[in-house]
C-alpha atoms as a PDB file:
ATOM      1  CA  MET A   1      39.342 158.519  -8.006  1.00  0.00           C
ATOM      2  CA  ILE A   2      41.323 157.606  -4.911  1.00  0.00           C
ATOM      3  CA  GLU A   3      44.993 156.681  -5.302  1.00  0.00           C
ATOM      4  CA  THR A   4      47.106 154.929  -2.716  1.00  0.00           C
ATOM      5  CA  ALA A   5      50.732 153.517  -3.050  1.00  0.00           C
ATOM      6  CA  ASN A   6      49.577 150.386  -4.874  1.00  0.00           C
ATOM      7  CA  LEU A   7      45.875 150.908  -5.761  1.00  0.00           C
ATOM      8  CA  ARG A   8      43.671 153.019  -7.859  1.00  0.00           C
ATOM      9  CA  LEU A   9      40.069 153.206  -6.584  1.00  0.00           C
ATOM     10  CA  VAL A  10      37.866 154.099  -9.491  1.00  0.00           C
ATOM     11  CA  PRO A  11      34.252 155.196  -8.666  1.00  0.00           C
ATOM     12  CA  CYS A  12      31.876 152.792 -10.355  1.00  0.00           C
ATOM     13  CA  GLU A  13      29.805 154.761 -12.904  1.00  0.00           C
ATOM     14  CA  LEU A  14      26.596 153.364 -14.556  1.00  0.00           C
ATOM     15  CA  LYS A  15      28.653 152.526 -17.640  1.00  0.00           C
ATOM     16  CA  HIS A  16      30.959 150.287 -15.434  1.00  0.00           C
ATOM     17  CA  PHE A  17      28.120 148.449 -14.005  1.00  0.00           C
ATOM     18  CA  GLU A  18      26.531 147.940 -17.447  1.00  0.00           C
ATOM     19  CA  ALA A  19      29.919 146.540 -18.650  1.00  0.00           C
ATOM     20  CA  ILE A  20      30.085 144.211 -15.609  1.00  0.00           C
ATOM     21  CA  LEU A  21      26.574 142.962 -16.294  1.00  0.00           C
ATOM     22  CA  ASN A  22      26.814 142.686 -20.060  1.00  0.00           C
ATOM     23  CA  ASP A  23      30.357 142.319 -21.295  1.00  0.00           C
ATOM     24  CA  GLN A  24      33.434 142.144 -19.046  1.00  0.00           C
ATOM     25  CA  LYS A  25      35.767 142.584 -22.062  1.00  0.00           C
ATOM     26  CA  GLN A  26      34.275 146.078 -22.446  1.00  0.00           C
ATOM     27  CA  LEU A  27      35.077 146.764 -18.900  1.00  0.00           C
ATOM     28  CA  GLU A  28      38.689 145.864 -19.675  1.00  0.00           C
ATOM     29  CA  GLN A  29      38.753 148.304 -22.487  1.00  0.00           C
ATOM     30  CA  MET A  30      37.145 151.127 -20.436  1.00  0.00           C
ATOM     31  CA  LEU A  31      39.568 150.741 -17.593  1.00  0.00           C
ATOM     32  CA  GLY A  32      42.610 149.657 -19.568  1.00  0.00           C
ATOM     33  CA  VAL A  33      43.163 146.709 -17.211  1.00  0.00           C
ATOM     34  CA  THR A  34      42.915 142.930 -17.179  1.00  0.00           C
ATOM     35  CA  VAL A  35      39.670 141.632 -15.597  1.00  0.00           C
ATOM     36  CA  PHE A  36      39.787 138.079 -14.251  1.00  0.00           C
ATOM     37  CA  ASN A  37      36.737 135.864 -15.098  1.00  0.00           C
ATOM     38  CA  ASN A  38      34.121 136.336 -12.416  1.00  0.00           C
ATOM     39  CA  TRP A  39      36.189 138.734 -10.445  1.00  0.00           C
ATOM     40  CA  PHE A  40      33.027 140.191  -8.929  1.00  0.00           C
ATOM     41  CA  ASP A  41      31.763 136.926  -7.485  1.00  0.00           C
ATOM     42  CA  PHE A  42      32.737 136.938  -3.746  1.00  0.00           C
ATOM     43  CA  PRO A  43      30.721 134.420  -1.832  1.00  0.00           C
ATOM     44  CA  GLY A  44      28.845 136.098   0.913  1.00  0.00           C
ATOM     45  CA  VAL A  45      29.948 139.550  -0.198  1.00  0.00           C
ATOM     46  CA  ALA A  46      29.029 140.209  -3.800  1.00  0.00           C
ATOM     47  CA  GLY A  47      27.743 138.450  -6.872  1.00  0.00           C
ATOM     48  CA  ILE A  48      25.815 139.319  -9.845  1.00  0.00           C
ATOM     49  CA  GLU A  49      22.752 140.114  -7.648  1.00  0.00           C
ATOM     50  CA  ALA A  50      24.785 142.610  -5.703  1.00  0.00           C
ATOM     51  CA  ILE A  51      26.086 144.033  -8.959  1.00  0.00           C
ATOM     52  CA  GLN A  52      22.566 144.438 -10.267  1.00  0.00           C
ATOM     53  CA  PHE A  53      21.468 146.060  -7.001  1.00  0.00           C
ATOM     54  CA  GLY A  54      24.411 148.491  -7.093  1.00  0.00           C
ATOM     55  CA  TYR A  55      23.520 149.431 -10.625  1.00  0.00           C
ATOM     56  CA  GLU A  56      19.846 150.059  -9.831  1.00  0.00           C
ATOM     57  CA  TYR A  57      20.748 151.996  -6.642  1.00  0.00           C
ATOM     58  CA  LEU A  58      23.021 154.309  -8.551  1.00  0.00           C
ATOM     59  CA  LYS A  59      20.449 154.803 -11.338  1.00  0.00           C
ATOM     60  CA  ALA A  60      17.829 155.823  -8.732  1.00  0.00           C
ATOM     61  CA  HIS A  61      20.272 157.807  -6.586  1.00  0.00           C
ATOM     62  CA  PRO A  62      22.886 159.420  -8.831  1.00  0.00           C
ATOM     63  CA  ASP A  63      23.896 161.832  -5.996  1.00  0.00           C
ATOM     64  CA  ALA A  64      25.321 158.677  -4.246  1.00  0.00           C
ATOM     65  CA  PHE A  65      28.176 158.690  -6.849  1.00  0.00           C
ATOM     66  CA  GLY A  66      31.428 158.856  -4.917  1.00  0.00           C
ATOM     67  CA  TRP A  67      29.721 157.345  -1.814  1.00  0.00           C
ATOM     68  CA  TRP A  68      28.991 154.006  -3.481  1.00  0.00           C
ATOM     69  CA  ALA A  69      30.909 151.317  -5.353  1.00  0.00           C
ATOM     70  CA  TYR A  70      34.679 151.598  -6.320  1.00  0.00           C
ATOM     71  CA  LEU A  71      36.584 149.244  -8.614  1.00  0.00           C
ATOM     72  CA  LEU A  72      40.012 148.272  -7.089  1.00  0.00           C
ATOM     73  CA  ILE A  73      42.778 148.305  -9.632  1.00  0.00           C
ATOM     74  CA  HIS A  74      46.416 147.154  -8.792  1.00  0.00           C
ATOM     75  CA  ILE A  75      48.466 149.871 -10.398  1.00  0.00           C
ATOM     76  CA  LYS A  76      51.685 147.917 -11.135  1.00  0.00           C
ATOM     77  CA  ASP A  77      49.944 144.872 -12.508  1.00  0.00           C
ATOM     78  CA  GLN A  78      47.089 146.862 -14.246  1.00  0.00           C
ATOM     79  CA  VAL A  79      44.594 144.256 -13.001  1.00  0.00           C
ATOM     80  CA  LEU A  80      41.038 144.701 -11.527  1.00  0.00           C
ATOM     81  CA  ILE A  81      41.519 142.902  -8.183  1.00  0.00           C
ATOM     82  CA  GLY A  82      38.289 143.751  -6.374  1.00  0.00           C
ATOM     83  CA  GLN A  83      35.767 146.162  -5.211  1.00  0.00           C
ATOM     84  CA  CYS A  84      35.307 148.410  -2.250  1.00  0.00           C
ATOM     85  CA  GLY A  85      33.365 151.514  -1.334  1.00  0.00           C
ATOM     86  CA  PHE A  86      30.761 153.121   0.846  1.00  0.00           C
ATOM     87  CA  LYS A  87      27.281 151.812   1.646  1.00  0.00           C
ATOM     88  CA  GLY A  88      25.692 155.130   0.865  1.00  0.00           C
ATOM     89  CA  LYS A  89      26.103 158.831   1.510  1.00  0.00           C
ATOM     90  CA  VAL A  90      27.041 160.315   4.882  1.00  0.00           C
ATOM     91  CA  ASP A  91      24.150 160.113   7.306  1.00  0.00           C
ATOM     92  CA  GLU A  92      22.760 162.787   9.675  1.00  0.00           C
ATOM     93  CA  ALA A  93      25.313 161.782  12.357  1.00  0.00           C
ATOM     94  CA  GLY A  94      28.182 162.210   9.952  1.00  0.00           C
ATOM     95  CA  MET A  95      28.770 158.377   9.600  1.00  0.00           C
ATOM     96  CA  VAL A  96      29.614 156.434   6.435  1.00  0.00           C
ATOM     97  CA  GLU A  97      30.173 152.649   6.250  1.00  0.00           C
ATOM     98  CA  ILE A  98      32.886 151.038   4.307  1.00  0.00           C
ATOM     99  CA  GLY A  99      33.219 147.499   2.681  1.00  0.00           C
ATOM    100  CA  TYR A 100      35.884 145.820   0.540  1.00  0.00           C
ATOM    101  CA  ALA A 101      36.575 142.468  -1.226  1.00  0.00           C
ATOM    102  CA  ILE A 102      39.736 141.345  -2.993  1.00  0.00           C
ATOM    103  CA  VAL A 103      40.138 138.363  -5.432  1.00  0.00           C
ATOM    104  CA  PRO A 104      41.971 135.446  -3.694  1.00  0.00           C
ATOM    105  CA  ALA A 105      45.108 135.882  -5.854  1.00  0.00           C
ATOM    106  CA  TYR A 106      45.735 139.268  -4.324  1.00  0.00           C
ATOM    107  CA  ARG A 107      44.890 138.602  -0.750  1.00  0.00           C
ATOM    108  CA  CYS A 108      47.420 138.595   2.147  1.00  0.00           C
ATOM    109  CA  ARG A 109      49.439 141.511   0.570  1.00  0.00           C
ATOM    110  CA  GLY A 110      48.062 144.268   2.717  1.00  0.00           C
ATOM    111  CA  LEU A 111      45.961 145.501  -0.177  1.00  0.00           C
ATOM    112  CA  ALA A 112      42.608 145.301   1.631  1.00  0.00           C
ATOM    113  CA  THR A 113      44.142 147.406   4.371  1.00  0.00           C
ATOM    114  CA  GLU A 114      45.490 149.896   1.904  1.00  0.00           C
ATOM    115  CA  ALA A 115      42.012 150.181   0.244  1.00  0.00           C
ATOM    116  CA  ALA A 116      40.257 150.601   3.606  1.00  0.00           C
ATOM    117  CA  GLN A 117      42.756 153.326   4.659  1.00  0.00           C
ATOM    118  CA  GLY A 118      42.103 154.979   1.144  1.00  0.00           C
ATOM    119  CA  LEU A 119      38.374 154.953   1.774  1.00  0.00           C
ATOM    120  CA  ILE A 120      38.901 156.327   5.343  1.00  0.00           C
ATOM    121  CA  ASP A 121      41.167 159.112   4.218  1.00  0.00           C
ATOM    122  CA  TYR A 122      38.742 160.070   1.464  1.00  0.00           C
ATOM    123  CA  ALA A 123      35.839 160.102   3.875  1.00  0.00           C
ATOM    124  CA  PHE A 124      37.639 162.139   6.587  1.00  0.00           C
ATOM    125  CA  SER A 125      38.750 164.662   3.901  1.00  0.00           C
ATOM    126  CA  HIS A 126      35.117 165.762   3.925  1.00  0.00           C
ATOM    127  CA  PRO A 127      34.299 168.027   6.856  1.00  0.00           C
ATOM    128  CA  HIS A 128      30.798 166.599   7.417  1.00  0.00           C
ATOM    129  CA  VAL A 129      32.136 163.103   8.015  1.00  0.00           C
ATOM    130  CA  GLU A 130      32.692 162.397  11.682  1.00  0.00           C
ATOM    131  CA  MET A 131      32.925 158.586  11.781  1.00  0.00           C
ATOM    132  CA  VAL A 132      33.548 155.517   9.559  1.00  0.00           C
ATOM    133  CA  ASP A 133      31.789 152.259  10.343  1.00  0.00           C
ATOM    134  CA  ALA A 134      32.243 148.702   9.098  1.00  0.00           C
ATOM    135  CA  HIS A 135      30.693 145.306   9.926  1.00  0.00           C
ATOM    136  CA  THR A 136      32.330 141.823   9.929  1.00  0.00           C
ATOM    137  CA  LEU A 137      31.309 138.342  10.776  1.00  0.00           C
ATOM    138  CA  ALA A 138      31.428 137.827  14.599  1.00  0.00           C
ATOM    139  CA  GLU A 139      34.842 136.029  14.577  1.00  0.00           C
ATOM    140  CA  VAL A 140      38.447 136.945  14.121  1.00  0.00           C
ATOM    141  CA  ASN A 141      39.166 136.751  10.414  1.00  0.00           C
ATOM    142  CA  PRO A 142      41.262 138.641   7.828  1.00  0.00           C
ATOM    143  CA  SER A 143      38.676 141.426   7.661  1.00  0.00           C
ATOM    144  CA  THR A 144      38.838 142.045  11.378  1.00  0.00           C
ATOM    145  CA  ARG A 145      42.624 142.280  11.166  1.00  0.00           C
ATOM    146  CA  VAL A 146      42.289 144.919   8.330  1.00  0.00           C
ATOM    147  CA  LEU A 147      39.957 146.986  10.430  1.00  0.00           C
ATOM    148  CA  GLU A 148      42.242 146.818  13.490  1.00  0.00           C
ATOM    149  CA  LYS A 149      45.288 147.849  11.246  1.00  0.00           C
ATOM    150  CA  VAL A 150      43.362 151.091  10.184  1.00  0.00           C
ATOM    151  CA  GLY A 151      42.618 151.892  13.799  1.00  0.00           C
ATOM    152  CA  MET A 152      38.920 150.886  13.929  1.00  0.00           C
ATOM    153  CA  LYS A 153      37.660 149.497  17.214  1.00  0.00           C
ATOM    154  CA  ASN A 154      35.008 146.800  17.752  1.00  0.00           C
ATOM    155  CA  ILE A 155      32.081 148.684  19.438  1.00  0.00           C
ATOM    156  CA  GLY A 156      29.703 145.737  19.842  1.00  0.00           C
ATOM    157  CA  SER A 157      27.480 143.238  18.052  1.00  0.00           C
ATOM    158  CA  LEU A 158      24.428 143.476  15.870  1.00  0.00           C
ATOM    159  CA  HIS A 159      21.930 140.971  14.368  1.00  0.00           C
ATOM    160  CA  ASP A 160      22.030 140.834  10.662  1.00  0.00           C
ATOM    161  CA  PRO A 161      19.020 139.103   8.941  1.00  0.00           C
ATOM    162  CA  ASP A 162      21.374 137.185   6.604  1.00  0.00           C
ATOM    163  CA  ASP A 163      24.528 136.615   8.714  1.00  0.00           C
ATOM    164  CA  GLY A 164      23.247 136.443  12.206  1.00  0.00           C
ATOM    165  CA  GLU A 165      25.442 138.053  14.782  1.00  0.00           C
ATOM    166  CA  ILE A 166      27.963 140.511  13.285  1.00  0.00           C
ATOM    167  CA  TRP A 167      30.575 142.860  14.790  1.00  0.00           C
ATOM    168  CA  HIS A 168      30.220 146.602  14.477  1.00  0.00           C
ATOM    169  CA  TRP A 169      33.539 148.556  14.013  1.00  0.00           C
ATOM    170  CA  ARG A 170      33.992 152.357  14.218  1.00  0.00           C
ATOM    171  CA  LEU A 171      36.828 154.900  13.728  1.00  0.00           C
ATOM    172  CA  ASN A 172      36.016 158.452  14.876  1.00  0.00           C
ATOM    173  CA  LYS A 173      37.564 161.517  13.223  1.00  0.00           C
ATOM    174  CA  GLU A 174      40.294 162.984  15.417  1.00  0.00           C
END
């Protein structure tokens, strides 16, 4: 688990994925928090297909636990407000990629920045992690501002088969 001033980032276990897929009330009981209806449905980011993929991936790669999905809990409100995490274990170059999504009711409060910083701090606490990457749409948007606030730099563009041109961001360990 990763804790920040306002957030608890709970690594998503198989039982969490199963509860998301089968019974969100069970997820509420497991975590002891309120879960908004369809909290996991972020257009362009995540939906039931992404949850199913995350579940199948973790089942097939149990060693990815801790370097995969996290559930974002707002500590004061005891509400599940989103998801974040890594897109797999550290690669040979010492790189991990982060991502995050927050429900609309909790946006514009600095919480995505706090979650991203929590992931970066966790990653850099491991000696074999040398850099943290992220990708955004190729336009200035709230996510690009989050990455700038945590010190990431836009290092160029890439082509994504789903989104077209995207921006590639990086922060090197110092």
